[in-house]
Protein backbone atom coordinates (compact mmCIF):
# COMPACT_ATOMS: atom_id res chain seq x y z
CA UNK A 1 16.11 13.21 -157.63
CA UNK A 2 16.75 10.93 -160.87
CA UNK A 3 13.05 10.27 -161.53
CA UNK A 4 13.66 8.25 -164.75
CA UNK A 5 16.08 6.04 -162.48
CA UNK A 6 13.32 5.68 -159.90
CA UNK A 7 10.74 5.32 -162.50
CA UNK A 8 12.42 2.69 -164.56
CA UNK A 9 13.53 0.51 -161.59
CA UNK A 10 10.22 0.78 -159.90
CA UNK A 11 8.62 -0.70 -163.01
CA UNK A 12 11.30 -3.03 -163.86
CA UNK A 13 10.89 -4.76 -160.42
CA UNK A 14 7.37 -5.59 -161.14
CA UNK A 15 8.38 -7.55 -163.93
CA UNK A 16 11.14 -9.35 -161.82
CA UNK A 17 8.80 -10.06 -159.14
CA UNK A 18 6.15 -11.08 -161.56
CA UNK A 19 8.53 -13.76 -163.09
CA UNK A 20 9.66 -14.74 -159.88
CA UNK A 21 5.73 -15.59 -158.68
CA UNK A 22 4.83 -17.01 -161.80
CA UNK A 23 7.00 -20.10 -160.86
CA UNK A 24 8.25 -20.22 -157.34
CA UNK A 25 4.97 -21.26 -155.86
CA UNK A 26 4.47 -24.00 -158.00
CA UNK A 27 7.79 -25.98 -157.76
CA UNK A 28 6.23 -28.93 -155.69
CA UNK A 29 3.54 -29.37 -158.64
CA UNK A 30 6.33 -29.58 -161.08
CA UNK A 31 8.20 -31.80 -159.06
CA UNK A 32 5.35 -34.05 -159.40
CA UNK A 33 5.18 -33.59 -162.88
CA UNK A 34 9.01 -34.44 -163.07
CA UNK A 35 8.10 -37.87 -161.36
CA UNK A 36 8.58 -37.06 -157.71
CA UNK A 37 5.77 -38.69 -155.44
CA UNK A 38 4.82 -38.87 -152.15
CA UNK A 39 6.32 -37.88 -149.26
CA UNK A 40 9.64 -37.37 -151.60
CA UNK A 41 8.01 -34.37 -152.91
CA UNK A 42 8.39 -32.54 -149.44
CA UNK A 43 12.01 -33.33 -149.28
CA UNK A 44 12.48 -32.42 -152.93
CA UNK A 45 10.73 -28.93 -152.45
CA UNK A 46 12.97 -28.31 -149.28
CA UNK A 47 15.93 -29.24 -151.48
CA UNK A 48 15.32 -27.27 -154.50
CA UNK A 49 13.99 -24.42 -152.82
CA UNK A 50 16.84 -24.06 -150.55
CA UNK A 51 19.90 -24.90 -152.81
CA UNK A 52 19.11 -21.51 -154.93
CA UNK A 53 19.14 -19.29 -151.94
CA UNK A 54 22.39 -20.84 -150.60
CA UNK A 55 24.46 -20.11 -153.44
CA UNK A 56 22.83 -16.63 -153.52
CA UNK A 57 23.67 -15.93 -150.07
CA UNK A 58 27.41 -16.98 -150.58
CA UNK A 59 27.58 -14.53 -153.63
CA UNK A 60 25.68 -11.94 -152.06
CA UNK A 61 28.74 -10.19 -150.58
CA UNK A 62 30.72 -10.28 -153.52
CA UNK A 63 28.20 -9.19 -156.07
CA UNK A 64 27.50 -6.41 -153.56
CA UNK A 65 31.25 -5.44 -153.48
CA UNK A 66 31.44 -5.64 -157.43
CA UNK A 67 28.50 -3.13 -157.43
CA UNK A 68 30.36 -0.63 -155.28
CA UNK A 69 33.50 -0.78 -157.13
CA UNK A 70 32.54 -1.92 -160.71
CA UNK A 71 29.08 -0.09 -160.95
CA UNK A 72 25.56 -1.29 -159.56
CA UNK A 73 23.88 -1.02 -163.21
CA UNK A 74 26.18 -3.71 -164.32
CA UNK A 75 25.70 -5.73 -161.64
CA UNK A 76 21.49 -5.20 -162.45
CA UNK A 77 22.35 -6.28 -166.34
CA UNK A 78 24.43 -9.44 -165.19
CA UNK A 79 21.59 -10.69 -162.81
CA UNK A 80 18.73 -10.11 -165.47
CA UNK A 81 20.69 -11.83 -168.37
CA UNK A 82 21.86 -14.81 -166.28
CA UNK A 83 18.77 -15.20 -164.03
CA UNK A 84 16.83 -15.31 -167.58
CA UNK A 85 19.16 -18.07 -168.72
CA UNK A 86 18.27 -19.98 -165.54
CA UNK A 87 14.62 -19.74 -166.08
CA UNK A 88 14.74 -20.82 -169.84
CA UNK A 89 16.92 -24.18 -168.60
CA UNK A 90 14.08 -24.95 -165.93
CA UNK A 91 11.79 -25.22 -168.90
CA UNK A 92 13.66 -27.75 -170.27
CA UNK A 93 14.74 -30.19 -167.43
CA UNK A 94 13.55 -33.66 -167.41
CA UNK A 95 14.58 -34.68 -163.66
CA UNK A 96 14.39 -33.41 -159.97
CA UNK A 97 18.34 -33.47 -160.29
CA UNK A 98 18.36 -31.70 -163.33
CA UNK A 99 15.97 -28.86 -161.65
CA UNK A 100 18.35 -28.95 -158.45
CA UNK A 101 21.51 -27.78 -160.59
CA UNK A 102 19.50 -25.31 -162.53
CA UNK A 103 18.31 -23.78 -159.01
CA UNK A 104 21.82 -23.63 -158.03
CA UNK A 105 23.00 -21.83 -161.28
CA UNK A 106 19.66 -19.30 -160.13
CA UNK A 107 21.07 -18.74 -156.90
CA UNK A 108 24.63 -17.89 -158.47
CA UNK A 109 23.17 -15.50 -160.96
CA UNK A 110 21.10 -13.40 -158.23
CA UNK A 111 21.32 -10.06 -156.95
CA UNK A 112 19.08 -7.82 -159.14
CA UNK A 113 16.83 -6.34 -156.73
CA UNK A 114 19.56 -5.61 -154.19
CA UNK A 115 21.69 -3.79 -156.73
CA UNK A 116 18.42 -1.91 -157.98
CA UNK A 117 17.68 -0.89 -154.29
CA UNK A 118 20.99 0.61 -154.05
CA UNK A 119 20.69 2.44 -157.38
CA UNK A 120 17.08 4.07 -155.97
CA UNK A 121 19.04 4.89 -152.67
CA UNK A 122 21.57 6.93 -154.61
CA UNK A 123 18.69 8.51 -156.52
CA UNK A 124 16.56 10.29 -154.06
CA UNK A 125 16.70 12.37 -151.41
CA UNK A 126 17.30 10.78 -148.04
CA UNK A 127 14.10 12.42 -146.74
CA UNK A 128 11.95 10.90 -149.15
CA UNK A 129 13.71 7.62 -149.26
CA UNK A 130 11.26 5.89 -146.80
CA UNK A 131 8.42 6.72 -149.42
CA UNK A 132 10.23 5.92 -152.26
CA UNK A 133 11.53 2.15 -151.21
CA UNK A 134 7.82 1.66 -150.09
CA UNK A 135 6.60 2.42 -153.69
CA UNK A 136 9.69 0.09 -154.90
CA UNK A 137 7.74 -2.52 -152.58
CA UNK A 138 4.46 -1.94 -153.60
CA UNK A 139 5.92 -2.71 -157.41
CA UNK A 140 7.50 -6.19 -156.04
CA UNK A 141 3.94 -6.84 -154.37
CA UNK A 142 1.96 -6.11 -157.33
CA UNK A 143 4.10 -8.02 -159.35
CA UNK A 144 3.62 -10.71 -156.77
CA UNK A 145 0.14 -10.58 -157.21
CA UNK A 146 0.03 -10.82 -160.92
CA UNK A 147 2.62 -13.41 -161.15
CA UNK A 148 0.86 -16.60 -159.44
CA UNK A 149 -2.51 -15.64 -161.14
CA UNK A 150 -0.39 -15.55 -164.52
CA UNK A 151 1.54 -18.70 -163.73
CA UNK A 152 -1.64 -20.69 -162.43
CA UNK A 153 -3.46 -19.72 -165.97
CA UNK A 154 -0.46 -20.47 -167.91
CA UNK A 155 0.37 -23.86 -166.30
CA UNK A 156 -3.25 -24.80 -166.47
CA UNK A 157 -3.79 -24.20 -170.14
CA UNK A 158 -0.32 -24.60 -171.66
CA UNK A 159 1.57 -26.64 -168.87
CA UNK A 160 3.99 -25.52 -166.54
CA UNK A 161 7.33 -25.36 -168.78
CA UNK A 162 5.46 -22.16 -170.67
CA UNK A 163 5.51 -20.49 -167.49
CA UNK A 164 9.73 -20.80 -167.50
CA UNK A 165 9.96 -19.51 -170.97
CA UNK A 166 7.46 -16.43 -170.38
CA UNK A 167 9.62 -15.52 -167.12
CA UNK A 168 12.62 -15.75 -169.02
CA UNK A 169 11.58 -13.45 -171.47
CA UNK A 170 10.45 -11.10 -168.68
CA UNK A 171 13.72 -10.92 -167.12
CA UNK A 172 15.62 -10.23 -170.56
CA UNK A 173 12.99 -7.18 -171.50
CA UNK A 174 13.63 -5.93 -168.01
CA UNK A 175 17.43 -6.06 -168.47
CA UNK A 176 16.91 -4.38 -171.69
CA UNK A 177 15.00 -1.41 -170.21
CA UNK A 178 17.67 -0.95 -167.40
CA UNK A 179 20.37 -1.01 -169.89
CA UNK A 180 18.74 1.58 -172.04
CA UNK A 181 16.93 3.88 -169.42
CA UNK A 182 18.92 3.72 -166.27
CA UNK A 183 21.63 5.92 -165.76
CA UNK A 184 24.81 5.49 -162.65
CA UNK A 185 26.99 8.22 -161.81
CA UNK A 186 30.77 7.16 -162.20
CA UNK A 187 31.91 4.90 -159.23
CA UNK A 188 33.86 7.32 -156.98
CA UNK A 189 37.56 6.74 -156.38
CA UNK A 190 37.11 6.13 -152.66
CA UNK A 191 34.90 3.29 -153.50
CA UNK A 192 37.79 1.34 -155.39
CA UNK A 193 39.63 0.10 -152.20
CA UNK A 194 41.38 -2.85 -151.48
CA UNK A 195 39.29 -4.12 -148.53
CA UNK A 196 38.33 -7.74 -148.60
CA UNK A 197 34.78 -9.46 -148.35
CA UNK A 198 36.01 -10.30 -144.60
CA UNK A 199 36.92 -6.41 -143.97
CA UNK A 200 33.17 -5.84 -145.02
CA UNK A 201 31.92 -8.56 -143.03
CA UNK A 202 33.81 -7.39 -139.76
CA UNK A 203 32.68 -3.84 -140.64
CA UNK A 204 28.82 -5.41 -140.83
CA UNK A 205 29.25 -7.02 -137.33
CA UNK A 206 30.91 -4.30 -135.38
CA UNK A 207 27.77 -2.10 -136.53
CA UNK A 208 25.17 -3.26 -133.94
CA UNK A 209 22.58 -1.51 -136.10
CA UNK A 210 23.46 -3.38 -139.16
CA UNK A 211 24.04 -6.20 -137.36
CA UNK A 212 20.51 -6.71 -135.82
CA UNK A 213 18.97 -5.39 -139.15
CA UNK A 214 21.11 -8.19 -140.88
CA UNK A 215 19.57 -10.78 -138.12
CA UNK A 216 15.84 -9.61 -138.77
CA UNK A 217 15.88 -9.88 -142.30
CA UNK A 218 17.17 -13.28 -141.93
CA UNK A 219 14.33 -14.41 -139.41
CA UNK A 220 11.78 -12.23 -141.44
CA UNK A 221 12.67 -14.38 -144.79
CA UNK A 222 13.00 -18.03 -142.84
CA UNK A 223 9.43 -17.34 -141.58
CA UNK A 224 8.10 -16.33 -144.93
CA UNK A 225 9.82 -18.86 -146.83
CA UNK A 226 8.43 -21.40 -144.56
CA UNK A 227 4.91 -21.29 -145.77
CA UNK A 228 5.23 -20.49 -149.51
CA UNK A 229 6.39 -24.64 -150.44
CA UNK A 230 3.43 -26.22 -148.46
CA UNK A 231 0.71 -23.57 -149.50
CA UNK A 232 -0.36 -25.24 -152.45
CA UNK A 233 -0.45 -28.84 -150.63
CA UNK A 234 -2.34 -27.27 -147.67
CA UNK A 235 -4.92 -25.87 -149.81
CA UNK A 236 -5.20 -29.30 -151.25
CA UNK A 237 -5.87 -30.80 -147.97
CA UNK A 238 -8.36 -27.88 -147.19
CA UNK A 239 -10.58 -28.30 -150.59
CA UNK A 240 -10.24 -32.34 -150.16
CA UNK A 241 -8.36 -32.71 -153.75
CA UNK A 242 -5.46 -31.27 -155.76
CA UNK A 243 -7.86 -30.71 -158.75
CA UNK A 244 -6.96 -27.08 -160.05
CA UNK A 245 -4.75 -26.49 -156.84
CA UNK A 246 -2.46 -24.58 -159.09
CA UNK A 247 -5.33 -21.99 -159.58
CA UNK A 248 -6.59 -21.54 -156.59
CA UNK A 249 -3.26 -21.33 -154.60
CA UNK A 250 -2.10 -18.66 -157.07
CA UNK A 251 -5.42 -16.74 -156.17
CA UNK A 252 -4.90 -17.10 -152.53
CA UNK A 253 -1.19 -15.88 -152.86
CA UNK A 254 -2.25 -13.08 -154.85
CA UNK A 255 -5.13 -11.88 -152.07
CA UNK A 256 -1.91 -11.45 -149.67
CA UNK A 257 -0.25 -9.73 -152.37
CA UNK A 258 -3.17 -7.38 -153.09
CA UNK A 259 -3.44 -6.49 -149.11
CA UNK A 260 0.05 -5.65 -149.37
CA UNK A 261 -0.26 -3.05 -152.49
CA UNK A 262 -3.01 -1.45 -150.57
CA UNK A 263 -0.88 -1.06 -147.65
CA UNK A 264 2.86 -0.82 -148.46
CA UNK A 265 2.96 3.04 -149.47
CA UNK A 266 1.18 3.62 -146.14
CA UNK A 267 4.20 1.53 -144.39
CA UNK A 268 6.69 3.63 -145.93
CA UNK A 269 5.41 7.04 -145.02
CA UNK A 270 4.69 5.74 -141.74
CA UNK A 271 8.06 4.28 -140.98
CA UNK A 272 9.51 7.79 -142.55
CA UNK A 273 7.13 10.12 -139.93
CA UNK A 274 7.11 7.53 -136.72
CA UNK A 275 10.46 5.72 -137.05
CA UNK A 276 11.57 2.56 -138.73
CA UNK A 277 11.53 0.58 -135.61
CA UNK A 278 8.42 1.52 -134.56
CA UNK A 279 7.06 0.56 -137.93
CA UNK A 280 8.76 -2.83 -137.34
CA UNK A 281 7.45 -3.74 -133.95
CA UNK A 282 3.46 -3.23 -135.52
CA UNK A 283 4.45 -5.11 -138.96
CA UNK A 284 6.35 -7.95 -137.06
CA UNK A 285 4.00 -8.36 -134.20
CA UNK A 286 0.53 -8.10 -136.05
CA UNK A 287 1.80 -10.64 -139.07
CA UNK A 288 3.07 -12.71 -136.38
CA UNK A 289 -0.58 -12.96 -134.78
CA UNK A 290 -2.39 -13.20 -137.97
CA UNK A 291 -0.02 -15.95 -139.13
CA UNK A 292 -0.79 -18.11 -136.26
CA UNK A 293 -4.40 -17.47 -136.66
CA UNK A 294 -4.18 -18.59 -140.05
CA UNK A 295 -3.66 -21.99 -139.13
CA UNK A 296 -7.09 -22.28 -137.52
CA UNK A 297 -9.88 -22.10 -140.40
CA UNK A 298 -10.63 -25.58 -142.27
CA UNK A 299 -12.02 -23.99 -145.27
CA UNK A 300 -10.04 -22.48 -148.17
CA UNK A 301 -12.10 -18.96 -147.70
CA UNK A 302 -11.12 -18.92 -144.18
CA UNK A 303 -7.49 -19.57 -144.87
CA UNK A 304 -7.81 -16.84 -147.98
CA UNK A 305 -8.99 -14.32 -145.56
CA UNK A 306 -6.19 -14.63 -143.15
CA UNK A 307 -3.80 -14.66 -146.09
CA UNK A 308 -5.01 -11.09 -146.93
CA UNK A 309 -4.73 -9.77 -143.52
CA UNK A 310 -1.18 -11.08 -143.08
CA UNK A 311 -0.33 -9.23 -146.02
CA UNK A 312 -1.92 -5.93 -144.61
CA UNK A 313 1.08 -6.03 -142.13
CA UNK A 314 4.14 -7.95 -143.39
CA UNK A 315 4.48 -6.00 -146.32
CA UNK A 316 5.80 -3.27 -144.12
CA UNK A 317 8.82 -5.02 -142.99
CA UNK A 318 11.15 -4.65 -145.96
CA UNK A 319 10.70 -0.97 -146.77
CA UNK A 320 11.31 -0.30 -142.91
CA UNK A 321 14.64 -2.61 -142.88
CA UNK A 322 15.92 -1.24 -146.36
CA UNK A 323 15.44 2.39 -145.40
CA UNK A 324 17.18 1.83 -141.90
CA UNK A 325 20.12 -0.08 -143.82
CA UNK A 326 20.78 3.57 -145.74
CA UNK A 327 20.43 5.23 -142.50
CA UNK A 328 23.10 3.46 -140.46
CA UNK A 329 25.62 3.21 -143.76
CA UNK A 330 27.51 5.57 -145.83
CA UNK A 331 27.08 5.66 -149.49
CA UNK A 332 29.90 4.18 -150.86
CA UNK A 333 28.91 0.91 -148.62
CA UNK A 334 25.14 0.95 -149.93
CA UNK A 335 26.24 -1.80 -152.73
CA UNK A 336 27.95 -3.90 -149.85
CA UNK A 337 25.17 -3.41 -147.64
CA UNK A 338 22.50 -4.21 -149.87
CA UNK A 339 24.63 -7.22 -150.58
CA UNK A 340 24.87 -8.39 -147.34
CA UNK A 341 21.08 -7.91 -146.83
CA UNK A 342 20.44 -10.16 -149.84
CA UNK A 343 22.83 -13.02 -148.03
CA UNK A 344 20.83 -12.83 -144.94
CA UNK A 345 17.62 -12.85 -147.06
CA UNK A 346 18.75 -15.90 -148.98
CA UNK A 347 19.84 -17.75 -146.29
CA UNK A 348 16.76 -17.08 -144.77
CA UNK A 349 14.83 -18.04 -147.94
CA UNK A 350 17.20 -21.38 -147.45
CA UNK A 351 16.19 -22.04 -143.89
CA UNK A 352 12.72 -21.78 -144.31
CA UNK A 353 12.10 -24.21 -146.63
CA UNK A 354 14.04 -27.08 -145.12
CA UNK A 355 12.34 -26.06 -141.37
CA UNK A 356 9.21 -26.53 -143.33
CA UNK A 357 10.44 -29.88 -144.76
CA UNK A 358 11.16 -31.27 -141.40
CA UNK A 359 8.43 -30.06 -139.95
CA UNK A 360 5.70 -31.49 -142.15
CA UNK A 361 7.60 -34.92 -141.97
CA UNK A 362 6.68 -35.09 -138.22
CA UNK A 363 3.82 -32.76 -137.68
CA UNK A 364 0.78 -31.83 -139.69
CA UNK A 365 1.17 -28.77 -142.13
CA UNK A 366 -0.95 -26.31 -140.19
CA UNK A 367 1.96 -26.21 -137.67
CA UNK A 368 4.23 -24.55 -139.73
CA UNK A 369 1.77 -21.48 -140.06
CA UNK A 370 2.01 -21.40 -136.08
CA UNK A 371 5.79 -21.61 -136.00
CA UNK A 372 6.23 -18.99 -138.50
CA UNK A 373 3.88 -16.78 -136.62
CA UNK A 374 5.83 -17.61 -133.41
CA UNK A 375 9.09 -16.25 -135.22
CA UNK A 376 7.80 -12.91 -136.31
CA UNK A 377 5.95 -12.41 -133.14
CA UNK A 378 9.51 -12.73 -130.83
CA UNK A 379 11.53 -10.35 -133.57
CA UNK A 380 8.40 -7.84 -132.95
CA UNK A 381 8.64 -8.52 -128.86
CA UNK A 382 12.47 -7.51 -129.46
CA UNK A 383 12.54 -4.52 -131.16
CA UNK A 384 9.88 -3.12 -128.84
CA UNK A 385 12.27 -3.65 -126.12
CA UNK A 386 15.32 -2.84 -127.55
CA UNK A 387 14.58 0.26 -129.45
CA UNK A 388 11.14 1.43 -128.97
CA UNK A 389 10.96 1.72 -125.26
CA UNK A 390 14.46 3.19 -125.25
CA UNK A 391 13.23 6.27 -127.48
CA UNK A 392 15.22 4.90 -130.86
CA UNK A 393 12.37 5.21 -133.23
């Protein structure tokens, strides 16, 4: 086990997550600051969220293949620098269309976490993989806890643009840490193959387990990203005004992150001992039920309580799926499989906000939480029937 690689990347992933969540939950408010008003906020929120994820989804297999053939560390450094540039540019935009273009560039630069996870998977013994990926997920979650609170406070005191500049600085510092501390063994000659992106996609489609896991990732990310764009607006409805909504939304989103930080290591060990499909069944199913119940309270406190409970279970999905990816792929395909996983996540992240925008144009905001919960429940039921009851844990 290369402890320095693992520790460095886990710490760096904290800063990446914090930089991301400092900004993303508050994009609807930033659009208002740029002059978008009324129902147009929902439409522009869906567009601005989704364009980044669409471009990132297209680039995922390309960056994944380059990680396997040119080096995973190079891909981490590339992503850290370019995403930092995109954050800095976002702090300078003056119109919604400029923000849309910057988000598209951010999607092009994406791929940091996928390449980092590929390095981690090569740096630890397989027997400790579930627990190590659990700790990596904990780092992302704790960063996600700190990000909304920091971003909310900074935007409240200094304005939202300051959050983008600080996020850029965090990303560049993360890149410097990886450059100095992380070591990667030379790319094997076998990895320098002439296979095309289509060959990689065919391999994933023909591998039943990979095909299902990629679909699970897509649905999971769609369900989670459905609620992010509307949370600040929904909290404004619950409290009766948009006053201090950035701070309130940041605090409530952090409650779910705190719950995840407390439980993610447990889910990593649980999947390692009991089986990753068994862990997925419980986490998908319970998160789905609690997500539906999140639409019931008519107070900010009740909403925040269910956000905490959702976080206890939804956090266990990622380490279980990531560990299953490693189990069903050879080492020289790890960069590509995490690149494909990133594509599935990004397309899910694109679909979620668009679906959310469409729903809120016709129905009340709380129905987004109901639909999200139903999607998670259906995946949990499928895994139970398809894998757990057949003894494939």
